[in-house]
Amino acid sequence: MKLSRLLAAPVFAGAMLLTQIAGIGPAQAAPSDPHCNYDFRTFNACLRFFGTGQLNEWRAVAGQDAFMSQRSAQEKIDHGTNFRAQLFGDDGNRRTLLADLFLAPGWPAAGPGGLSAELTRVLHGSTLNEDTDGNDEIYAEITYWDFVINDNVTHRTGTVVHEFAPRSEVPDDPGCRVICP
């Protein structure tokens, strides 16, 4: 085997690892895929959108894990974390507040991995259609109160890139309810 072929595999693997670390991914993943942001040591924050089965209706789900001991996480919950999340549209230098998300039942939670929360809300596509360039770029900021540092902690999720413009049903396809061709 030629040396260039022997070097190709490690170079390709390194390039794949670099794209994961840098957050470079497909131009447009499915909105239901987790779109995450993390620093490898203190937090992981993700955003997803699911069709509800109703025309032009989406469930936004933002979640975060703050890595700490279970005891520290429980102490934060006991002192009141006041979790909140907001969705923003991102168009370069312009950011637009789209909606507030609400804490899902049963959250926040303390576990062996730390402090976790899930926030959600059902939204119409017209709310999520934040621009007219064909794709909407949406991320969430998840914030909680940390009594130890006496300040809010905010984590930004990854960005979902998807066209959320409201669509009408296609007359030839009565089964089309969420995303129509």
C-alpha atoms as a PDB file:
ATOM      1  CA  MET A   1       0.000   0.000   0.000  1.00  0.00           C
ATOM      2  CA  LYS A   2       1.332   3.449  -0.866  1.00  0.00           C
ATOM      3  CA  LEU A   3       2.283   5.821   1.915  1.00  0.00           C
ATOM      4  CA  SER A   4      -0.285   8.366   0.684  1.00  0.00           C
ATOM      5  CA  ARG A   5      -3.066   5.813   1.250  1.00  0.00           C
ATOM      6  CA  LEU A   6      -1.734   4.979   4.694  1.00  0.00           C
ATOM      7  CA  LEU A   7      -1.820   8.666   5.614  1.00  0.00           C
ATOM      8  CA  ALA A   8      -5.252   9.257   4.093  1.00  0.00           C
ATOM      9  CA  ALA A   9      -7.173   7.405   6.822  1.00  0.00           C
ATOM     10  CA  PRO A  10      -5.682   9.327   9.781  1.00  0.00           C
ATOM     11  CA  VAL A  11      -6.023  12.622   7.915  1.00  0.00           C
ATOM     12  CA  PHE A  12      -9.679  11.887   7.112  1.00  0.00           C
ATOM     13  CA  ALA A  13     -10.360  10.810  10.706  1.00  0.00           C
ATOM     14  CA  GLY A  14      -8.676  13.975  11.981  1.00  0.00           C
ATOM     15  CA  ALA A  15     -10.761  16.116   9.642  1.00  0.00           C
ATOM     16  CA  MET A  16     -13.953  14.430  10.855  1.00  0.00           C
ATOM     17  CA  LEU A  17     -12.943  15.012  14.478  1.00  0.00           C
ATOM     18  CA  LEU A  18     -12.134  18.649  13.739  1.00  0.00           C
ATOM     19  CA  THR A  19     -15.557  19.226  12.151  1.00  0.00           C
ATOM     20  CA  GLN A  20     -17.224  17.766  15.248  1.00  0.00           C
ATOM     21  CA  ILE A  21     -15.154  19.913  17.599  1.00  0.00           C
ATOM     22  CA  ALA A  22     -15.688  23.062  15.551  1.00  0.00           C
ATOM     23  CA  GLY A  23     -19.412  22.384  15.246  1.00  0.00           C
ATOM     24  CA  ILE A  24     -19.287  22.145  11.474  1.00  0.00           C
ATOM     25  CA  GLY A  25     -21.938  19.794  10.210  1.00  0.00           C
ATOM     26  CA  PRO A  26     -24.322  19.276   7.386  1.00  0.00           C
ATOM     27  CA  ALA A  27     -25.709  22.436   5.868  1.00  0.00           C
ATOM     28  CA  GLN A  28     -29.171  21.539   7.075  1.00  0.00           C
ATOM     29  CA  ALA A  29     -29.893  18.672   9.447  1.00  0.00           C
ATOM     30  CA  ALA A  30     -33.452  17.678  10.303  1.00  0.00           C
ATOM     31  CA  PRO A  31     -35.077  20.023  12.838  1.00  0.00           C
ATOM     32  CA  SER A  32     -35.810  17.007  15.048  1.00  0.00           C
ATOM     33  CA  ASP A  33     -32.079  16.202  15.288  1.00  0.00           C
ATOM     34  CA  PRO A  34     -30.421  17.631  18.404  1.00  0.00           C
ATOM     35  CA  HIS A  35     -28.616  20.877  17.576  1.00  0.00           C
ATOM     36  CA  CYS A  36     -26.171  21.203  20.449  1.00  0.00           C
ATOM     37  CA  ASN A  37     -23.562  23.494  21.868  1.00  0.00           C
ATOM     38  CA  TYR A  38     -21.139  22.337  24.570  1.00  0.00           C
ATOM     39  CA  ASP A  39     -17.742  23.055  26.041  1.00  0.00           C
ATOM     40  CA  PHE A  40     -16.735  19.437  26.871  1.00  0.00           C
ATOM     41  CA  ARG A  41     -16.496  20.112  30.601  1.00  0.00           C
ATOM     42  CA  THR A  42     -19.280  22.260  32.103  1.00  0.00           C
ATOM     43  CA  PHE A  43     -22.433  22.048  29.955  1.00  0.00           C
ATOM     44  CA  ASN A  44     -24.340  20.683  26.991  1.00  0.00           C
ATOM     45  CA  ALA A  45     -27.349  22.578  25.572  1.00  0.00           C
ATOM     46  CA  CYS A  46     -29.515  21.335  22.698  1.00  0.00           C
ATOM     47  CA  LEU A  47     -32.542  22.456  20.679  1.00  0.00           C
ATOM     48  CA  ARG A  48     -34.952  20.334  18.621  1.00  0.00           C
ATOM     49  CA  PHE A  49     -38.257  20.874  16.827  1.00  0.00           C
ATOM     50  CA  PHE A  50     -40.912  18.214  16.339  1.00  0.00           C
ATOM     51  CA  GLY A  51     -44.006  18.405  14.166  1.00  0.00           C
ATOM     52  CA  THR A  52     -47.123  17.952  16.285  1.00  0.00           C
ATOM     53  CA  GLY A  53     -49.214  16.407  13.534  1.00  0.00           C
ATOM     54  CA  GLN A  54     -51.143  19.645  13.104  1.00  0.00           C
ATOM     55  CA  LEU A  55     -50.517  21.748  10.020  1.00  0.00           C
ATOM     56  CA  ASN A  56     -47.734  24.323  10.637  1.00  0.00           C
ATOM     57  CA  GLU A  57     -47.423  23.472  14.326  1.00  0.00           C
ATOM     58  CA  TRP A  58     -44.075  22.666  15.951  1.00  0.00           C
ATOM     59  CA  ARG A  59     -43.000  21.666  19.453  1.00  0.00           C
ATOM     60  CA  ALA A  60     -39.736  23.357  20.422  1.00  0.00           C
ATOM     61  CA  VAL A  61     -37.711  21.431  22.998  1.00  0.00           C
ATOM     62  CA  ALA A  62     -34.593  22.926  24.574  1.00  0.00           C
ATOM     63  CA  GLY A  63     -32.587  21.006  27.107  1.00  0.00           C
ATOM     64  CA  GLN A  64     -29.428  21.495  29.039  1.00  0.00           C
ATOM     65  CA  ASP A  65     -27.114  19.543  31.279  1.00  0.00           C
ATOM     66  CA  ALA A  66     -24.805  21.464  33.613  1.00  0.00           C
ATOM     67  CA  PHE A  67     -22.093  19.067  34.741  1.00  0.00           C
ATOM     68  CA  MET A  68     -21.541  19.027  38.503  1.00  0.00           C
ATOM     69  CA  SER A  69     -22.017  16.676  41.430  1.00  0.00           C
ATOM     70  CA  GLN A  70     -25.521  15.445  42.118  1.00  0.00           C
ATOM     71  CA  ARG A  71     -25.337  17.080  45.548  1.00  0.00           C
ATOM     72  CA  SER A  72     -24.467  20.497  44.046  1.00  0.00           C
ATOM     73  CA  ALA A  73     -27.265  20.126  41.516  1.00  0.00           C
ATOM     74  CA  GLN A  74     -29.801  19.290  44.231  1.00  0.00           C
ATOM     75  CA  GLU A  75     -28.648  22.254  46.331  1.00  0.00           C
ATOM     76  CA  LYS A  76     -29.202  24.574  43.364  1.00  0.00           C
ATOM     77  CA  ILE A  77     -32.702  23.156  42.836  1.00  0.00           C
ATOM     78  CA  ASP A  78     -33.479  23.482  46.556  1.00  0.00           C
ATOM     79  CA  HIS A  79     -32.465  27.168  46.468  1.00  0.00           C
ATOM     80  CA  GLY A  80     -34.564  27.856  43.366  1.00  0.00           C
ATOM     81  CA  THR A  81     -32.986  27.709  39.911  1.00  0.00           C
ATOM     82  CA  ASN A  82     -35.720  29.665  38.096  1.00  0.00           C
ATOM     83  CA  PHE A  83     -34.986  28.054  34.722  1.00  0.00           C
ATOM     84  CA  ARG A  84     -36.141  29.908  31.625  1.00  0.00           C
ATOM     85  CA  ALA A  85     -35.395  29.727  27.914  1.00  0.00           C
ATOM     86  CA  GLN A  86     -35.949  31.993  24.956  1.00  0.00           C
ATOM     87  CA  LEU A  87     -35.879  31.249  21.225  1.00  0.00           C
ATOM     88  CA  PHE A  88     -34.024  33.672  18.983  1.00  0.00           C
ATOM     89  CA  GLY A  89     -33.790  34.085  15.240  1.00  0.00           C
ATOM     90  CA  ASP A  90     -30.217  34.605  14.082  1.00  0.00           C
ATOM     91  CA  ASP A  91     -29.410  36.567  10.950  1.00  0.00           C
ATOM     92  CA  GLY A  92     -25.784  37.487  11.301  1.00  0.00           C
ATOM     93  CA  ASN A  93     -25.589  40.651  13.361  1.00  0.00           C
ATOM     94  CA  ARG A  94     -29.350  40.754  13.993  1.00  0.00           C
ATOM     95  CA  ARG A  95     -31.007  38.590  16.608  1.00  0.00           C
ATOM     96  CA  THR A  96     -34.751  38.533  17.098  1.00  0.00           C
ATOM     97  CA  LEU A  97     -36.623  37.241  20.149  1.00  0.00           C
ATOM     98  CA  LEU A  98     -39.216  34.758  18.867  1.00  0.00           C
ATOM     99  CA  ALA A  99     -40.739  33.145  21.963  1.00  0.00           C
ATOM    100  CA  ASP A 100     -40.313  32.079  25.571  1.00  0.00           C
ATOM    101  CA  LEU A 101     -40.156  28.377  26.416  1.00  0.00           C
ATOM    102  CA  PHE A 102     -41.560  26.927  29.625  1.00  0.00           C
ATOM    103  CA  LEU A 103     -40.172  24.385  32.046  1.00  0.00           C
ATOM    104  CA  ALA A 104     -41.551  20.921  31.238  1.00  0.00           C
ATOM    105  CA  PRO A 105     -43.191  18.920  34.046  1.00  0.00           C
ATOM    106  CA  GLY A 106     -40.691  17.019  36.174  1.00  0.00           C
ATOM    107  CA  TRP A 107     -37.803  19.400  35.488  1.00  0.00           C
ATOM    108  CA  PRO A 108     -35.279  20.517  36.660  1.00  0.00           C
ATOM    109  CA  ALA A 109     -33.620  17.342  37.878  1.00  0.00           C
ATOM    110  CA  ALA A 110     -30.462  16.493  39.778  1.00  0.00           C
ATOM    111  CA  GLY A 111     -28.671  13.321  38.770  1.00  0.00           C
ATOM    112  CA  PRO A 112     -25.242  11.700  38.731  1.00  0.00           C
ATOM    113  CA  GLY A 113     -24.312  13.881  35.729  1.00  0.00           C
ATOM    114  CA  GLY A 114     -25.407  17.140  37.334  1.00  0.00           C
ATOM    115  CA  LEU A 115     -28.246  19.618  36.830  1.00  0.00           C
ATOM    116  CA  SER A 116     -30.622  19.049  33.908  1.00  0.00           C
ATOM    117  CA  ALA A 117     -33.692  20.815  32.587  1.00  0.00           C
ATOM    118  CA  GLU A 118     -36.054  20.628  29.639  1.00  0.00           C
ATOM    119  CA  LEU A 119     -38.108  23.579  28.403  1.00  0.00           C
ATOM    120  CA  THR A 120     -40.742  23.391  25.711  1.00  0.00           C
ATOM    121  CA  ARG A 121     -43.572  25.102  23.883  1.00  0.00           C
ATOM    122  CA  VAL A 122     -45.833  24.484  20.891  1.00  0.00           C
ATOM    123  CA  LEU A 123     -45.480  27.230  18.289  1.00  0.00           C
ATOM    124  CA  HIS A 124     -46.971  28.043  14.904  1.00  0.00           C
ATOM    125  CA  GLY A 125     -44.664  28.090  11.897  1.00  0.00           C
ATOM    126  CA  SER A 126     -45.370  31.799  11.405  1.00  0.00           C
ATOM    127  CA  THR A 127     -43.672  32.496  14.773  1.00  0.00           C
ATOM    128  CA  LEU A 128     -40.619  30.480  13.744  1.00  0.00           C
ATOM    129  CA  ASN A 129     -40.427  31.959  10.243  1.00  0.00           C
ATOM    130  CA  GLU A 130     -37.949  34.620  11.317  1.00  0.00           C
ATOM    131  CA  ASP A 131     -36.769  35.801   7.903  1.00  0.00           C
ATOM    132  CA  THR A 132     -37.499  35.648   4.193  1.00  0.00           C
ATOM    133  CA  ASP A 133     -34.241  34.170   2.864  1.00  0.00           C
ATOM    134  CA  GLY A 134     -35.612  30.622   2.635  1.00  0.00           C
ATOM    135  CA  ASN A 135     -34.035  29.206   5.796  1.00  0.00           C
ATOM    136  CA  ASP A 136     -34.679  30.192   9.363  1.00  0.00           C
ATOM    137  CA  GLU A 137     -31.801  30.079  11.844  1.00  0.00           C
ATOM    138  CA  ILE A 138     -33.069  29.526  15.380  1.00  0.00           C
ATOM    139  CA  TYR A 139     -31.296  28.919  18.672  1.00  0.00           C
ATOM    140  CA  ALA A 140     -32.282  28.990  22.340  1.00  0.00           C
ATOM    141  CA  GLU A 141     -30.670  30.555  25.364  1.00  0.00           C
ATOM    142  CA  ILE A 142     -31.293  28.606  28.561  1.00  0.00           C
ATOM    143  CA  THR A 143     -30.777  30.487  31.820  1.00  0.00           C
ATOM    144  CA  TYR A 144     -30.887  29.442  35.460  1.00  0.00           C
ATOM    145  CA  TRP A 145     -30.127  31.133  38.784  1.00  0.00           C
ATOM    146  CA  ASP A 146     -27.053  29.837  40.618  1.00  0.00           C
ATOM    147  CA  PHE A 147     -27.174  30.851  44.276  1.00  0.00           C
ATOM    148  CA  VAL A 148     -23.495  29.898  44.772  1.00  0.00           C
ATOM    149  CA  ILE A 149     -22.210  32.589  42.396  1.00  0.00           C
ATOM    150  CA  ASN A 150     -25.248  34.815  43.031  1.00  0.00           C
ATOM    151  CA  ASP A 151     -25.848  35.252  39.310  1.00  0.00           C
ATOM    152  CA  ASN A 152     -27.601  33.785  36.289  1.00  0.00           C
ATOM    153  CA  VAL A 153     -25.878  31.150  34.166  1.00  0.00           C
ATOM    154  CA  THR A 154     -26.802  31.143  30.471  1.00  0.00           C
ATOM    155  CA  HIS A 155     -26.058  28.476  27.891  1.00  0.00           C
ATOM    156  CA  ARG A 156     -26.763  28.817  24.170  1.00  0.00           C
ATOM    157  CA  THR A 157     -27.887  25.811  22.165  1.00  0.00           C
ATOM    158  CA  GLY A 158     -26.796  24.939  18.671  1.00  0.00           C
ATOM    159  CA  THR A 159     -28.645  26.589  15.782  1.00  0.00           C
ATOM    160  CA  VAL A 160     -31.456  24.857  13.903  1.00  0.00           C
ATOM    161  CA  VAL A 161     -31.467  25.788  10.215  1.00  0.00           C
ATOM    162  CA  HIS A 162     -34.833  24.965   8.626  1.00  0.00           C
ATOM    163  CA  GLU A 163     -37.581  26.628   6.597  1.00  0.00           C
ATOM    164  CA  PHE A 164     -40.506  27.109   9.006  1.00  0.00           C
ATOM    165  CA  ALA A 165     -42.644  29.245   6.681  1.00  0.00           C
ATOM    166  CA  PRO A 166     -46.292  28.198   7.017  1.00  0.00           C
ATOM    167  CA  ARG A 167     -47.445  25.864   4.272  1.00  0.00           C
ATOM    168  CA  SER A 168     -50.875  24.943   3.082  1.00  0.00           C
ATOM    169  CA  GLU A 169     -52.030  21.411   2.515  1.00  0.00           C
ATOM    170  CA  VAL A 170     -51.300  20.003  -0.908  1.00  0.00           C
ATOM    171  CA  PRO A 171     -54.655  19.186  -2.581  1.00  0.00           C
ATOM    172  CA  ASP A 172     -53.237  16.006  -4.154  1.00  0.00           C
ATOM    173  CA  ASP A 173     -51.909  14.739  -0.820  1.00  0.00           C
ATOM    174  CA  PRO A 174     -54.475  14.929   2.009  1.00  0.00           C
ATOM    175  CA  GLY A 175     -51.957  13.159   4.297  1.00  0.00           C
ATOM    176  CA  CYS A 176     -49.545  16.108   4.153  1.00  0.00           C
ATOM    177  CA  ARG A 177     -49.893  17.864   7.503  1.00  0.00           C
ATOM    178  CA  VAL A 178     -46.558  19.296   8.652  1.00  0.00           C
ATOM    179  CA  ILE A 179     -44.063  19.747   5.833  1.00  0.00           C
ATOM    180  CA  CYS A 180     -45.474  19.659   2.339  1.00  0.00           C
ATOM    181  CA  PRO A 181     -43.502  19.513  -0.911  1.00  0.00           C
END
